[in-house]
Each structure stands twice: as C-alpha cells, then as structure tokens.
Amino acid sequence: MGLFDFAKDVGRKLFDTDDEAADNIKQHLDVKMTGLSNLEVEFDDGVATLCGDCDSEKTRETAILVAGNVKGVEKVVADDLKAPPPPPEEEAAKDEFYEIVSGDTLGGIAKRFYGKGSAYMKIFEANRDIISDPNKIYPGQKIRIPKD
C-alpha cells in the first residue's frame, strides 16, 4: 500500500492554499487519530505524502483514508508510513476498501457486502474517523469494509 487515488473535489475542506495544506492535514490526523507517532506530512499539487510510525496496519490504513478524504487531496503516498506486520489471523481477514458512488447509502453497501442492510453500523463503526454521521456520505469518499 504505497500510493492511493482519491477524489480531489470532495471531502472536508481543511485548507485554502497548498502552503497551508500539509500543516492542516497533519493537525487533522493528530486530532482524529491515535496510534500515530513521528508523523510528518508533505503536500504538493494534490499529493499528500505521509511519513511516520503507526501502532498497527489498521491505524496506517485509517491515516491514509483520513488524509485522502480531505478536499484537495487526489493522491496519498504512504511508502514511509510504517506499521508492524499484522498477526497471521488479521492478515487473513484483511478489510476491503470501497469508493462511495452516487445513490449509495451505508445500508445499501451493507446489503451488498453482508447480505443485510441492517449491518450498516458495522461499516459506520469501522469508519468513525472518516464518517461523522451514517447519513452523510458522499460520492468519491473511500471507506473500509470490515471482513470480520
């Protein structure tokens, strides 16, 4: 997981100019997440580069999703965002990632992945750092679909 594409024109607006982007994205990650240390963020022409240490692979993936779901970010480079390898039982149960499309609801996504719309809270809980309200998702947003 090194380079990820995101929808540049959607997401939470954190900056007006590229000059303030890196600091604002870093501050956003610091507020939204735990498990990150030595975090450094660079930003250039829509590309956010994350460097630092994560306490787990899930923390790393969440940091990438949180940074990528910021308006103005079209790519996230995370080659130097390090995490310890997951235990074998977690490796087998890797989550999927899904990009929201027009007309999607968390219930509809849950029905597609789990066979029942009522499982939407499982998706919401796995994405609390990205989605603040289960009724407020938007096309282009990328989320995690938990396997377990």
N, C-alpha and C. Protein backbone atom coordinates (compact mmCIF):
# COMPACT_ATOMS: atom_id res chain seq x y z
N MET A 1 0.84 -1.18 0.00
CA MET A 1 0.00 0.00 0.00
C MET A 1 0.88 1.24 0.00
N GLY A 2 1.22 1.73 -1.17
CA GLY A 2 2.09 2.89 -1.24
C GLY A 2 1.39 4.14 -1.73
N LEU A 3 0.69 4.06 -2.88
CA LEU A 3 0.05 5.22 -3.48
C LEU A 3 -1.43 4.93 -3.65
N PHE A 4 -2.26 5.89 -3.23
CA PHE A 4 -3.70 5.72 -3.29
C PHE A 4 -4.33 6.92 -3.97
N ASP A 5 -5.31 6.67 -4.83
CA ASP A 5 -6.03 7.74 -5.51
C ASP A 5 -7.31 8.06 -4.76
N PHE A 6 -7.65 9.35 -4.74
CA PHE A 6 -8.87 9.83 -4.10
C PHE A 6 -9.53 10.85 -5.01
N ALA A 7 -10.77 11.18 -4.71
CA ALA A 7 -11.50 12.21 -5.44
C ALA A 7 -11.10 13.57 -4.89
N LYS A 8 -10.42 14.37 -5.69
CA LYS A 8 -9.84 15.64 -5.24
C LYS A 8 -10.88 16.68 -4.83
N ASP A 9 -12.03 16.65 -5.47
CA ASP A 9 -13.01 17.72 -5.26
C ASP A 9 -14.08 17.41 -4.23
N VAL A 10 -13.89 16.36 -3.46
CA VAL A 10 -14.87 16.02 -2.42
C VAL A 10 -14.15 15.86 -1.09
N GLY A 11 -14.90 15.92 -0.01
CA GLY A 11 -14.33 15.73 1.31
C GLY A 11 -14.39 16.99 2.14
N ARG A 12 -13.85 16.89 3.30
CA ARG A 12 -13.85 18.02 4.23
C ARG A 12 -12.78 19.02 3.82
N LYS A 13 -13.15 20.28 3.72
CA LYS A 13 -12.21 21.32 3.32
C LYS A 13 -11.39 21.74 4.53
N LEU A 14 -10.07 21.55 4.44
CA LEU A 14 -9.18 21.90 5.54
C LEU A 14 -8.22 23.02 5.20
N PHE A 15 -8.10 23.34 3.91
CA PHE A 15 -7.13 24.36 3.52
C PHE A 15 -7.60 25.11 2.28
N ASP A 16 -7.12 26.35 2.17
CA ASP A 16 -7.43 27.18 1.00
C ASP A 16 -6.28 27.23 0.02
N THR A 17 -5.04 27.11 0.53
CA THR A 17 -3.88 27.14 -0.35
C THR A 17 -2.99 25.94 -0.07
N ASP A 18 -2.19 25.57 -1.05
CA ASP A 18 -1.27 24.44 -0.88
C ASP A 18 -0.26 24.70 0.24
N ASP A 19 0.05 25.97 0.49
CA ASP A 19 1.02 26.30 1.54
C ASP A 19 0.57 25.88 2.93
N GLU A 20 -0.73 25.90 3.17
CA GLU A 20 -1.24 25.53 4.50
C GLU A 20 -1.70 24.08 4.55
N ALA A 21 -1.70 23.38 3.43
CA ALA A 21 -2.26 22.02 3.36
C ALA A 21 -1.56 21.03 4.28
N ALA A 22 -0.25 20.93 4.21
CA ALA A 22 0.47 19.92 4.99
C ALA A 22 0.22 20.07 6.49
N ASP A 23 0.34 21.31 6.99
CA ASP A 23 0.12 21.54 8.42
C ASP A 23 -1.32 21.21 8.83
N ASN A 24 -2.28 21.59 7.99
CA ASN A 24 -3.68 21.35 8.33
C ASN A 24 -4.04 19.87 8.25
N ILE A 25 -3.49 19.15 7.29
CA ILE A 25 -3.74 17.70 7.20
C ILE A 25 -3.11 17.00 8.40
N LYS A 26 -1.89 17.40 8.77
CA LYS A 26 -1.23 16.80 9.94
C LYS A 26 -2.06 17.06 11.20
N GLN A 27 -2.51 18.29 11.38
CA GLN A 27 -3.32 18.62 12.55
C GLN A 27 -4.62 17.80 12.55
N HIS A 28 -5.23 17.64 11.39
CA HIS A 28 -6.46 16.85 11.26
C HIS A 28 -6.20 15.40 11.69
N LEU A 29 -5.10 14.83 11.23
CA LEU A 29 -4.74 13.46 11.61
C LEU A 29 -4.47 13.37 13.11
N ASP A 30 -3.77 14.34 13.65
CA ASP A 30 -3.46 14.34 15.09
C ASP A 30 -4.74 14.37 15.93
N VAL A 31 -5.74 15.13 15.48
CA VAL A 31 -7.00 15.25 16.23
C VAL A 31 -7.86 14.00 16.06
N LYS A 32 -7.95 13.47 14.85
CA LYS A 32 -8.86 12.37 14.55
C LYS A 32 -8.35 11.00 15.00
N MET A 33 -7.03 10.86 15.18
CA MET A 33 -6.47 9.52 15.34
C MET A 33 -5.56 9.39 16.54
N THR A 34 -5.44 8.15 16.98
CA THR A 34 -4.41 7.77 17.94
C THR A 34 -3.58 6.68 17.27
N GLY A 35 -2.43 6.40 17.83
CA GLY A 35 -1.60 5.33 17.29
C GLY A 35 -0.59 5.78 16.25
N LEU A 36 -0.50 7.10 16.02
CA LEU A 36 0.50 7.65 15.10
C LEU A 36 1.59 8.34 15.90
N SER A 37 2.84 8.18 15.48
CA SER A 37 3.93 8.92 16.11
C SER A 37 4.92 9.36 15.03
N ASN A 38 5.67 10.37 15.35
CA ASN A 38 6.66 10.93 14.42
C ASN A 38 6.04 11.29 13.06
N LEU A 39 4.80 11.72 13.07
CA LEU A 39 4.08 11.99 11.83
C LEU A 39 4.61 13.24 11.15
N GLU A 40 4.88 13.09 9.86
CA GLU A 40 5.24 14.22 9.01
C GLU A 40 4.35 14.16 7.78
N VAL A 41 3.88 15.33 7.35
CA VAL A 41 3.02 15.41 6.17
C VAL A 41 3.60 16.44 5.22
N GLU A 42 3.70 16.07 3.97
CA GLU A 42 4.08 17.00 2.91
C GLU A 42 2.93 17.06 1.93
N PHE A 43 2.80 18.18 1.25
CA PHE A 43 1.72 18.33 0.27
C PHE A 43 2.25 19.09 -0.93
N ASP A 44 2.00 18.54 -2.12
CA ASP A 44 2.42 19.20 -3.34
C ASP A 44 1.45 18.85 -4.46
N ASP A 45 0.75 19.85 -4.95
CA ASP A 45 -0.12 19.72 -6.13
C ASP A 45 -1.10 18.55 -6.01
N GLY A 46 -1.81 18.47 -4.89
CA GLY A 46 -2.83 17.44 -4.71
C GLY A 46 -2.33 16.13 -4.13
N VAL A 47 -1.02 16.01 -3.92
CA VAL A 47 -0.44 14.77 -3.40
C VAL A 47 0.01 14.97 -1.96
N ALA A 48 -0.59 14.22 -1.05
CA ALA A 48 -0.19 14.23 0.36
C ALA A 48 0.74 13.06 0.60
N THR A 49 1.90 13.34 1.18
CA THR A 49 2.87 12.30 1.50
C THR A 49 2.94 12.18 3.01
N LEU A 50 2.68 10.97 3.51
CA LEU A 50 2.67 10.71 4.95
C LEU A 50 3.90 9.89 5.34
N CYS A 51 4.58 10.32 6.38
CA CYS A 51 5.74 9.59 6.92
C CYS A 51 5.55 9.49 8.43
N GLY A 52 6.02 8.41 9.01
CA GLY A 52 5.94 8.25 10.45
C GLY A 52 5.72 6.81 10.82
N ASP A 53 5.29 6.61 12.05
CA ASP A 53 5.11 5.27 12.60
C ASP A 53 3.68 5.09 13.08
N CYS A 54 3.14 3.90 12.83
CA CYS A 54 1.79 3.54 13.25
C CYS A 54 1.88 2.34 14.18
N ASP A 55 0.95 2.24 15.12
CA ASP A 55 0.96 1.12 16.04
C ASP A 55 0.40 -0.16 15.42
N SER A 56 -0.29 -0.04 14.27
CA SER A 56 -0.85 -1.22 13.60
C SER A 56 -1.12 -0.90 12.13
N GLU A 57 -1.36 -1.93 11.35
CA GLU A 57 -1.69 -1.76 9.95
C GLU A 57 -3.05 -1.07 9.80
N LYS A 58 -3.99 -1.36 10.70
CA LYS A 58 -5.30 -0.68 10.66
C LYS A 58 -5.14 0.83 10.88
N THR A 59 -4.28 1.23 11.79
CA THR A 59 -4.02 2.65 12.02
C THR A 59 -3.43 3.27 10.76
N ARG A 60 -2.52 2.56 10.12
CA ARG A 60 -1.91 3.06 8.88
C ARG A 60 -2.97 3.26 7.79
N GLU A 61 -3.81 2.25 7.61
CA GLU A 61 -4.86 2.34 6.59
C GLU A 61 -5.83 3.49 6.90
N THR A 62 -6.18 3.65 8.17
CA THR A 62 -7.09 4.72 8.56
C THR A 62 -6.46 6.08 8.31
N ALA A 63 -5.18 6.24 8.61
CA ALA A 63 -4.49 7.51 8.36
C ALA A 63 -4.52 7.85 6.88
N ILE A 64 -4.33 6.86 6.03
CA ILE A 64 -4.37 7.08 4.59
C ILE A 64 -5.78 7.50 4.17
N LEU A 65 -6.79 6.82 4.68
CA LEU A 65 -8.17 7.18 4.35
C LEU A 65 -8.54 8.57 4.86
N VAL A 66 -8.15 8.90 6.09
CA VAL A 66 -8.47 10.21 6.65
C VAL A 66 -7.81 11.31 5.81
N ALA A 67 -6.54 11.15 5.48
CA ALA A 67 -5.84 12.16 4.67
C ALA A 67 -6.41 12.23 3.26
N GLY A 68 -6.74 11.10 2.68
CA GLY A 68 -7.24 11.08 1.31
C GLY A 68 -8.64 11.61 1.15
N ASN A 69 -9.43 11.55 2.20
CA ASN A 69 -10.80 12.05 2.15
C ASN A 69 -10.88 13.52 2.54
N VAL A 70 -9.81 14.26 2.31
CA VAL A 70 -9.78 15.71 2.51
C VAL A 70 -9.90 16.36 1.14
N LYS A 71 -10.75 17.36 1.06
CA LYS A 71 -10.93 18.08 -0.21
C LYS A 71 -9.60 18.70 -0.64
N GLY A 72 -9.22 18.45 -1.88
CA GLY A 72 -7.97 18.95 -2.43
C GLY A 72 -6.90 17.90 -2.53
N VAL A 73 -7.11 16.74 -1.88
CA VAL A 73 -6.15 15.65 -1.94
C VAL A 73 -6.62 14.65 -3.00
N GLU A 74 -5.77 14.40 -3.99
CA GLU A 74 -6.13 13.42 -5.01
C GLU A 74 -5.29 12.16 -4.92
N LYS A 75 -4.17 12.23 -4.23
CA LYS A 75 -3.34 11.04 -4.04
C LYS A 75 -2.71 11.10 -2.65
N VAL A 76 -2.49 9.93 -2.08
CA VAL A 76 -1.75 9.82 -0.82
C VAL A 76 -0.61 8.84 -1.06
N VAL A 77 0.60 9.29 -0.76
CA VAL A 77 1.79 8.45 -0.83
C VAL A 77 2.13 8.08 0.62
N ALA A 78 2.22 6.78 0.89
CA ALA A 78 2.44 6.34 2.27
C ALA A 78 3.56 5.31 2.37
N ASP A 79 4.52 5.37 1.46
CA ASP A 79 5.62 4.41 1.49
C ASP A 79 6.41 4.47 2.78
N ASP A 80 6.51 5.65 3.37
CA ASP A 80 7.28 5.82 4.60
C ASP A 80 6.41 5.97 5.84
N LEU A 81 5.17 5.52 5.74
CA LEU A 81 4.29 5.44 6.90
C LEU A 81 4.32 3.98 7.35
N LYS A 82 5.08 3.71 8.37
CA LYS A 82 5.41 2.33 8.76
C LYS A 82 4.49 1.79 9.85
N ALA A 83 4.23 0.48 9.74
CA ALA A 83 3.44 -0.24 10.75
C ALA A 83 4.03 -1.64 10.89
N PRO A 84 3.92 -2.21 12.09
CA PRO A 84 4.39 -3.59 12.24
C PRO A 84 3.52 -4.53 11.41
N PRO A 85 4.07 -5.64 10.96
CA PRO A 85 3.24 -6.58 10.19
C PRO A 85 2.10 -7.11 11.05
N PRO A 86 0.93 -7.30 10.43
CA PRO A 86 -0.21 -7.82 11.21
C PRO A 86 0.00 -9.28 11.58
N PRO A 87 -0.60 -9.69 12.70
CA PRO A 87 -0.55 -11.12 13.06
C PRO A 87 -1.23 -11.94 11.96
N PRO A 88 -0.89 -13.21 11.81
CA PRO A 88 -1.44 -14.03 10.73
C PRO A 88 -2.98 -14.05 10.68
N GLU A 89 -3.63 -14.04 11.85
CA GLU A 89 -5.10 -14.08 11.84
C GLU A 89 -5.70 -12.79 11.28
N GLU A 90 -5.03 -11.66 11.49
CA GLU A 90 -5.51 -10.40 10.90
C GLU A 90 -5.18 -10.33 9.42
N GLU A 91 -4.07 -10.90 9.01
CA GLU A 91 -3.69 -10.89 7.60
C GLU A 91 -4.74 -11.60 6.76
N ALA A 92 -5.27 -12.69 7.27
CA ALA A 92 -6.28 -13.47 6.53
C ALA A 92 -7.61 -12.72 6.44
N ALA A 93 -7.88 -11.84 7.39
CA ALA A 93 -9.17 -11.14 7.42
C ALA A 93 -9.03 -9.68 7.00
N LYS A 94 -8.21 -9.40 5.99
CA LYS A 94 -8.00 -8.01 5.55
C LYS A 94 -9.30 -7.38 5.09
N ASP A 95 -9.48 -6.14 5.50
CA ASP A 95 -10.66 -5.38 5.09
C ASP A 95 -10.57 -5.03 3.61
N GLU A 96 -11.73 -4.75 3.03
CA GLU A 96 -11.79 -4.24 1.66
C GLU A 96 -11.97 -2.74 1.74
N PHE A 97 -11.68 -2.07 0.63
CA PHE A 97 -11.92 -0.64 0.53
C PHE A 97 -12.93 -0.41 -0.56
N TYR A 98 -13.76 0.59 -0.35
CA TYR A 98 -14.87 0.84 -1.27
C TYR A 98 -14.98 2.34 -1.50
N GLU A 99 -15.23 2.72 -2.75
CA GLU A 99 -15.45 4.12 -3.08
C GLU A 99 -16.94 4.36 -3.24
N ILE A 100 -17.46 5.29 -2.46
CA ILE A 100 -18.87 5.64 -2.49
C ILE A 100 -19.23 6.19 -3.88
N VAL A 101 -20.36 5.73 -4.42
CA VAL A 101 -20.87 6.25 -5.69
C VAL A 101 -22.22 6.92 -5.44
N SER A 102 -22.64 7.73 -6.38
CA SER A 102 -23.91 8.44 -6.26
C SER A 102 -25.04 7.45 -6.02
N GLY A 103 -25.88 7.74 -5.05
CA GLY A 103 -27.01 6.88 -4.71
C GLY A 103 -26.73 5.88 -3.61
N ASP A 104 -25.47 5.73 -3.22
CA ASP A 104 -25.11 4.79 -2.15
C ASP A 104 -25.64 5.25 -0.81
N THR A 105 -25.98 4.29 0.02
CA THR A 105 -26.25 4.50 1.44
C THR A 105 -25.43 3.45 2.18
N LEU A 106 -25.16 3.67 3.45
CA LEU A 106 -24.44 2.64 4.20
C LEU A 106 -25.26 1.36 4.27
N GLY A 107 -26.60 1.50 4.36
CA GLY A 107 -27.46 0.31 4.37
C GLY A 107 -27.35 -0.47 3.05
N GLY A 108 -27.33 0.24 1.94
CA GLY A 108 -27.20 -0.42 0.64
C GLY A 108 -25.85 -1.10 0.48
N ILE A 109 -24.80 -0.44 0.97
CA ILE A 109 -23.47 -1.03 0.90
C ILE A 109 -23.41 -2.27 1.80
N ALA A 110 -24.01 -2.18 2.99
CA ALA A 110 -24.04 -3.34 3.90
C ALA A 110 -24.79 -4.51 3.26
N LYS A 111 -25.89 -4.23 2.59
CA LYS A 111 -26.65 -5.29 1.92
C LYS A 111 -25.79 -5.96 0.86
N ARG A 112 -25.04 -5.15 0.10
CA ARG A 112 -24.18 -5.70 -0.96
C ARG A 112 -23.07 -6.58 -0.38
N PHE A 113 -22.44 -6.15 0.72
CA PHE A 113 -21.29 -6.88 1.26
C PHE A 113 -21.66 -7.94 2.28
N TYR A 114 -22.75 -7.73 3.05
CA TYR A 114 -23.10 -8.65 4.13
C TYR A 114 -24.44 -9.34 3.94
N GLY A 115 -25.20 -8.92 2.93
CA GLY A 115 -26.49 -9.56 2.68
C GLY A 115 -27.64 -8.95 3.46
N LYS A 116 -27.36 -7.96 4.30
CA LYS A 116 -28.45 -7.30 5.05
C LYS A 116 -28.09 -5.85 5.33
N GLY A 117 -29.03 -4.98 5.02
CA GLY A 117 -28.83 -3.55 5.19
C GLY A 117 -28.67 -3.13 6.64
N SER A 118 -29.24 -3.92 7.54
CA SER A 118 -29.17 -3.57 8.96
C SER A 118 -27.75 -3.65 9.51
N ALA A 119 -26.81 -4.20 8.75
CA ALA A 119 -25.42 -4.30 9.19
C ALA A 119 -24.63 -3.02 8.89
N TYR A 120 -25.34 -1.95 8.52
CA TYR A 120 -24.66 -0.71 8.16
C TYR A 120 -23.83 -0.14 9.31
N MET A 121 -24.23 -0.40 10.56
CA MET A 121 -23.49 0.13 11.70
C MET A 121 -22.09 -0.48 11.79
N LYS A 122 -21.92 -1.69 11.30
CA LYS A 122 -20.60 -2.33 11.27
C LYS A 122 -19.66 -1.50 10.38
N ILE A 123 -20.17 -1.04 9.25
CA ILE A 123 -19.38 -0.21 8.35
C ILE A 123 -19.14 1.16 8.99
N PHE A 124 -20.17 1.73 9.57
CA PHE A 124 -20.04 3.04 10.21
C PHE A 124 -18.99 3.00 11.32
N GLU A 125 -19.06 1.99 12.18
CA GLU A 125 -18.11 1.88 13.30
C GLU A 125 -16.68 1.73 12.80
N ALA A 126 -16.49 1.02 11.71
CA ALA A 126 -15.14 0.82 11.16
C ALA A 126 -14.59 2.09 10.51
N ASN A 127 -15.46 3.07 10.29
CA ASN A 127 -15.06 4.29 9.59
C ASN A 127 -15.35 5.56 10.39
N ARG A 128 -15.44 5.45 11.70
CA ARG A 128 -15.77 6.61 12.54
C ARG A 128 -14.80 7.78 12.36
N ASP A 129 -13.54 7.49 12.00
CA ASP A 129 -12.57 8.57 11.78
C ASP A 129 -12.83 9.29 10.46
N ILE A 130 -13.63 8.67 9.58
CA ILE A 130 -13.88 9.22 8.25
C ILE A 130 -15.31 9.72 8.11
N ILE A 131 -16.25 9.00 8.70
CA ILE A 131 -17.67 9.34 8.59
C ILE A 131 -18.17 9.79 9.96
N SER A 132 -18.68 11.02 10.03
CA SER A 132 -19.16 11.52 11.31
C SER A 132 -20.63 11.19 11.55
N ASP A 133 -21.37 10.91 10.48
CA ASP A 133 -22.80 10.63 10.57
C ASP A 133 -23.12 9.58 9.50
N PRO A 134 -23.77 8.46 9.85
CA PRO A 134 -24.02 7.42 8.85
C PRO A 134 -24.91 7.88 7.70
N ASN A 135 -25.59 8.99 7.86
CA ASN A 135 -26.42 9.53 6.78
C ASN A 135 -25.69 10.54 5.91
N LYS A 136 -24.43 10.81 6.23
CA LYS A 136 -23.67 11.81 5.48
C LYS A 136 -22.43 11.19 4.86
N ILE A 137 -22.64 10.52 3.73
CA ILE A 137 -21.54 10.02 2.93
C ILE A 137 -21.66 10.69 1.56
N TYR A 138 -20.59 10.69 0.81
CA TYR A 138 -20.64 11.40 -0.46
C TYR A 138 -19.86 10.63 -1.53
N PRO A 139 -20.28 10.78 -2.79
CA PRO A 139 -19.58 10.11 -3.90
C PRO A 139 -18.11 10.51 -3.94
N GLY A 140 -17.27 9.52 -4.14
CA GLY A 140 -15.83 9.73 -4.19
C GLY A 140 -15.14 9.44 -2.87
N GLN A 141 -15.89 9.39 -1.78
CA GLN A 141 -15.32 9.09 -0.47
C GLN A 141 -14.92 7.62 -0.45
N LYS A 142 -13.77 7.32 0.14
CA LYS A 142 -13.32 5.94 0.26
C LYS A 142 -13.44 5.51 1.72
N ILE A 143 -13.97 4.30 1.89
CA ILE A 143 -14.20 3.77 3.23
C ILE A 143 -13.69 2.33 3.32
N ARG A 144 -13.59 1.85 4.55
CA ARG A 144 -13.19 0.47 4.83
C ARG A 144 -14.43 -0.38 5.00
N ILE A 145 -14.41 -1.57 4.41
CA ILE A 145 -15.48 -2.56 4.61
C ILE A 145 -14.87 -3.70 5.42
N PRO A 146 -15.21 -3.80 6.71
CA PRO A 146 -14.59 -4.86 7.54
C PRO A 146 -15.04 -6.25 7.09
N LYS A 147 -14.09 -7.15 7.11
CA LYS A 147 -14.36 -8.55 6.74
C LYS A 147 -14.97 -9.34 7.90
N ASP A 148 -14.52 -9.05 9.12
CA ASP A 148 -14.99 -9.86 10.26
C ASP A 148 -16.21 -9.30 10.90
